[in-house]
Protein backbone atom coordinates (compact mmCIF):
# COMPACT_ATOMS: atom_id res chain seq x y z
CA MET A 1 -12.40 0.62 -1.04
CA ALA A 2 -12.81 -3.13 -1.44
CA ASN A 3 -16.24 -4.62 -2.13
CA HIS A 4 -17.72 -8.01 -1.35
CA THR A 5 -16.74 -10.68 -3.93
CA GLN A 6 -14.16 -8.27 -5.38
CA PHE A 7 -11.48 -9.98 -7.46
CA GLY A 8 -8.37 -7.88 -7.74
CA PHE A 9 -6.88 -4.75 -6.24
CA GLN A 10 -8.63 -1.58 -5.20
CA ASP A 11 -8.54 1.20 -7.79
CA ALA A 12 -5.06 2.71 -7.83
CA SER A 13 -5.11 6.36 -6.76
CA SER A 14 -1.40 7.12 -6.71
CA PRO A 15 1.50 6.56 -9.14
CA ILE A 16 3.11 4.10 -6.71
CA MET A 17 -0.02 1.95 -6.54
CA GLU A 18 -0.32 1.98 -10.33
CA GLU A 19 3.26 0.69 -10.57
CA LEU A 20 2.57 -1.99 -7.96
CA VAL A 21 -0.48 -3.25 -9.86
CA GLU A 22 1.50 -3.38 -13.11
CA PHE A 23 4.33 -5.26 -11.40
CA HIS A 24 1.86 -7.74 -9.93
CA ASP A 25 0.44 -8.44 -13.40
CA HIS A 26 3.95 -8.74 -14.82
CA ALA A 27 5.06 -11.20 -12.11
CA LEU A 28 1.83 -13.17 -12.50
CA MET A 29 2.42 -13.63 -16.23
CA VAL A 30 5.99 -14.82 -15.58
CA ALA A 31 4.73 -17.32 -13.00
CA LEU A 32 2.00 -18.49 -15.41
CA ALA A 33 4.56 -19.06 -18.17
CA ILE A 34 6.79 -21.10 -15.83
CA CYS A 35 3.87 -23.22 -14.59
CA SER A 36 2.71 -23.84 -18.16
CA LEU A 37 6.19 -24.99 -19.20
CA VAL A 38 6.52 -27.32 -16.20
CA LEU A 39 3.07 -28.83 -16.78
CA TYR A 40 3.85 -29.30 -20.49
CA LEU A 41 7.10 -31.14 -19.73
CA LEU A 42 5.35 -33.22 -17.08
CA ALA A 43 2.65 -34.22 -19.56
CA LEU A 44 5.30 -35.25 -22.11
CA MET A 45 7.03 -37.41 -19.51
CA LEU A 46 3.77 -39.05 -18.46
CA MET A 47 3.05 -39.85 -22.11
CA GLU A 48 6.60 -41.24 -22.40
CA LYS A 49 7.52 -38.83 -25.18
CA LEU A 50 10.60 -37.66 -23.28
CA SER A 51 13.48 -39.96 -22.45
CA SER A 52 14.30 -40.35 -18.76
CA ASN A 53 17.56 -42.20 -19.44
CA THR A 54 19.65 -39.16 -20.38
CA VAL A 55 22.84 -39.15 -18.32
CA ASP A 56 24.53 -36.00 -19.62
CA ALA A 57 23.25 -33.06 -21.68
CA GLN A 58 25.39 -29.94 -21.65
CA GLU A 59 22.94 -27.98 -23.79
CA VAL A 60 20.05 -28.66 -21.41
CA GLU A 61 22.14 -27.69 -18.38
CA LEU A 62 23.10 -24.46 -20.10
CA VAL A 63 19.46 -23.65 -20.82
CA TRP A 64 18.24 -24.34 -17.28
CA THR A 65 21.01 -22.13 -15.92
CA ILE A 66 20.48 -19.17 -18.25
CA LEU A 67 16.65 -19.13 -18.27
CA PRO A 68 16.21 -18.78 -14.46
CA ALA A 69 18.78 -15.97 -14.47
CA ILE A 70 16.81 -14.14 -17.16
CA VAL A 71 13.57 -14.65 -15.22
CA LEU A 72 15.13 -13.27 -12.02
CA ILE A 73 16.39 -10.20 -13.89
CA MET A 74 12.92 -9.65 -15.38
CA LEU A 75 11.49 -9.63 -11.85
CA ALA A 76 14.30 -7.79 -10.08
CA LEU A 77 14.60 -4.73 -12.33
CA PRO A 78 10.99 -3.45 -12.07
CA SER A 79 10.90 -4.44 -8.39
CA LEU A 80 13.99 -2.37 -7.59
CA GLN A 81 12.61 0.54 -9.61
CA ILE A 82 9.43 0.58 -7.51
CA LEU A 83 11.44 0.20 -4.31
CA TYR A 84 13.49 3.29 -5.11
CA MET A 85 10.34 5.20 -6.10
CA MET A 86 8.76 4.40 -2.72
CA ASP A 87 11.82 5.65 -0.84
CA GLU A 88 12.18 8.84 -2.87
CA ILE A 89 10.92 11.95 -1.07
CA ASP A 90 11.60 15.11 -3.05
CA GLU A 91 10.44 18.48 -1.69
CA PRO A 92 6.98 17.57 -0.32
CA ASP A 93 4.28 20.24 -0.38
CA LEU A 94 2.85 18.99 2.91
CA THR A 95 4.20 16.97 5.84
CA LEU A 96 1.81 14.93 7.96
CA LYS A 97 2.75 13.15 11.18
CA ALA A 98 0.70 10.07 12.12
CA ILE A 99 1.03 8.75 15.67
CA GLY A 100 -0.48 5.38 16.55
CA HIS A 101 -2.10 4.77 19.93
CA GLN A 102 -4.17 1.98 21.41
CA TRP A 103 -6.56 2.33 19.59
CA TYR A 104 -6.72 5.55 17.60
CA TRP A 105 -4.51 7.82 15.49
CA THR A 106 -3.21 11.31 16.18
CA TYR A 107 -2.40 13.53 13.20
CA GLU A 108 -0.20 16.60 13.22
CA TYR A 109 0.18 18.92 10.24
CA THR A 110 3.72 20.06 10.94
CA ASP A 111 3.58 22.87 8.35
CA PHE A 112 0.85 24.56 10.41
CA LYS A 113 1.19 26.01 13.89
CA ASP A 114 -1.87 24.57 15.64
CA LEU A 115 -3.32 21.88 13.42
CA SER A 116 -3.54 18.49 15.09
CA PHE A 117 -6.36 16.16 16.08
CA ASP A 118 -7.18 12.64 17.22
CA SER A 119 -9.02 10.30 14.87
CA TYR A 120 -11.31 7.66 16.41
CA MET A 121 -13.51 5.10 14.72
CA LEU A 122 -17.18 6.05 14.68
CA PRO A 123 -19.27 3.58 16.72
CA THR A 124 -21.97 1.76 14.78
CA THR A 125 -24.66 3.53 16.83
CA ASP A 126 -23.39 6.95 15.66
CA LEU A 127 -22.87 5.98 12.03
CA PRO A 128 -24.81 8.10 9.50
CA LEU A 129 -26.89 6.23 6.95
CA GLY A 130 -24.79 5.17 3.97
CA ASN A 131 -21.42 5.28 5.73
CA PHE A 132 -19.19 2.26 6.10
CA ARG A 133 -19.23 0.20 9.28
CA LEU A 134 -15.88 -0.07 11.14
CA LEU A 135 -14.20 2.21 8.57
CA GLU A 136 -15.51 5.72 9.27
CA VAL A 137 -13.77 8.09 11.69
CA ASP A 138 -14.77 11.26 13.49
CA HIS A 139 -11.92 13.28 11.92
CA ARG A 140 -10.58 12.50 8.46
CA VAL A 141 -7.12 13.28 7.15
CA VAL A 142 -7.56 15.89 4.41
CA ILE A 143 -4.79 16.44 1.86
CA PRO A 144 -4.50 18.49 -1.33
CA MET A 145 -4.86 16.50 -4.53
CA GLU A 146 -1.90 16.07 -6.91
CA SER A 147 0.57 17.38 -4.32
CA PRO A 148 3.57 15.46 -2.93
CA ILE A 149 2.72 14.42 0.63
CA ARG A 150 5.25 13.18 3.17
CA VAL A 151 3.93 11.11 6.08
CA ILE A 152 6.05 10.64 9.20
CA VAL A 153 4.81 7.62 11.14
CA THR A 154 5.50 6.67 14.76
CA ALA A 155 3.72 5.13 17.74
CA ASP A 156 3.13 6.08 21.35
CA ASP A 157 2.76 2.65 22.95
CA VAL A 158 3.03 -0.54 20.84
CA LEU A 159 3.67 -1.42 17.20
CA HIS A 160 1.11 -0.16 14.69
CA SER A 161 1.12 0.18 10.90
CA TRP A 162 -0.35 3.03 8.84
CA ALA A 163 -1.73 1.52 5.64
CA VAL A 164 -3.97 2.82 2.84
CA PRO A 165 -4.16 0.21 0.03
CA SER A 166 -5.52 2.52 -2.70
CA LEU A 167 -2.49 4.79 -2.27
CA GLY A 168 0.04 1.96 -2.10
CA VAL A 169 1.13 3.06 1.38
CA LYS A 170 2.03 0.84 4.34
CA THR A 171 4.49 2.09 6.96
CA ASP A 172 5.21 0.60 10.38
CA ALA A 173 4.64 2.80 13.42
CA ILE A 174 7.32 1.96 15.99
CA PRO A 175 7.63 3.62 19.42
CA GLY A 176 10.76 5.77 19.63
CA ARG A 177 11.36 5.65 15.87
CA LEU A 178 10.28 7.88 12.98
CA ASN A 179 9.52 6.15 9.69
CA GLN A 180 8.49 8.11 6.63
CA THR A 181 6.78 7.52 3.33
CA SER A 182 5.36 9.68 0.56
CA PHE A 183 2.62 9.61 -2.04
CA ILE A 184 0.68 11.74 -4.52
CA THR A 185 -3.04 11.31 -5.03
CA THR A 186 -4.06 11.39 -8.68
CA ARG A 187 -7.77 12.03 -8.16
CA PRO A 188 -10.17 13.40 -5.56
CA GLY A 189 -11.84 10.90 -3.30
CA ILE A 190 -12.02 9.25 0.10
CA PHE A 191 -9.60 6.39 0.70
CA TYR A 192 -9.90 3.90 3.53
CA GLY A 193 -7.21 2.00 5.38
CA GLN A 194 -6.64 0.25 8.67
CA CYS A 195 -3.91 -0.48 11.16
CA SER A 196 -2.02 -3.40 9.63
CA GLU A 197 -0.04 -4.56 12.66
CA ILE A 198 -1.73 -6.50 15.46
CA CYS A 199 -1.66 -4.08 18.39
CA GLY A 200 -4.04 -5.45 20.98
CA ALA A 201 -7.68 -6.20 21.65
CA ASN A 202 -9.10 -3.36 19.53
CA HIS A 203 -6.62 -3.64 16.66
CA SER A 204 -9.51 -4.01 14.20
CA PHE A 205 -11.11 -0.77 15.35
CA MET A 206 -8.59 1.96 14.43
CA PRO A 207 -9.34 2.76 10.77
CA ILE A 208 -7.66 5.38 8.59
CA VAL A 209 -9.58 7.72 6.30
CA VAL A 210 -7.76 9.98 3.85
CA GLU A 211 -9.73 12.58 1.88
CA SER A 212 -8.06 13.93 -1.25
CA ALA A 213 -9.52 17.29 -2.23
CA PRO A 214 -8.71 20.31 -4.43
CA LEU A 215 -6.30 22.82 -2.92
CA THR A 216 -8.99 25.43 -2.24
CA HIS A 217 -11.05 22.91 -0.26
CA PHE A 218 -7.97 21.91 1.75
CA GLU A 219 -7.14 25.55 2.52
CA ASN A 220 -10.70 26.21 3.72
CA TRP A 221 -10.67 23.05 5.85
CA SER A 222 -7.29 23.82 7.44
CA SER A 223 -8.20 27.43 8.24
CA LEU A 224 -11.50 26.32 9.78
CA LEU A 225 -9.80 23.67 11.91
CA SER A 226 -7.01 25.99 13.03
CA SER A 227 -9.35 28.76 14.13
């Protein structure tokens, strides 16, 4: 999760998030190179080392046409690759349905017969020592580590958005519509997210907590909750 005075992204915990961080760094370097070139040319003009009386220069026009095209290709190719990766859902090991309400989440494990629960934020008065204020819930989502997970997202009343930054996941929850996304966690841990679509007075108080655990732990948890 994010810390105070943190500079940068949360630690990537899925292949998609790793790709997003790399693309951000790539795009930032391209933007830095463009800004440096523009500032350099501006400095030359201010020092009157470049002529401003040029009427026609075919070579310059050719350069400023080709270079932006190359830059756009450098940005478009990795962006499209990530976009296709995010939409690809190939034989998930587990399907989870997340339903947004004002102001809590309902989770249904559709691969199990009777495994569903509501997830509410823990009030500050009930928060155990050492837990995170406004981020902890009474029932966490538990998933097996290193397994393809499909999440079907919808809403019961108004627009919501199911988002977990460390996993690179953000999917709108729309009443009457099923959206889906997928991810794989690369390490065990507890990952925090929040509703990312303004949904009313208590929008800030419907957090998301995903616990990635070894398969044996997940099996024990699911059997205990189903019984």
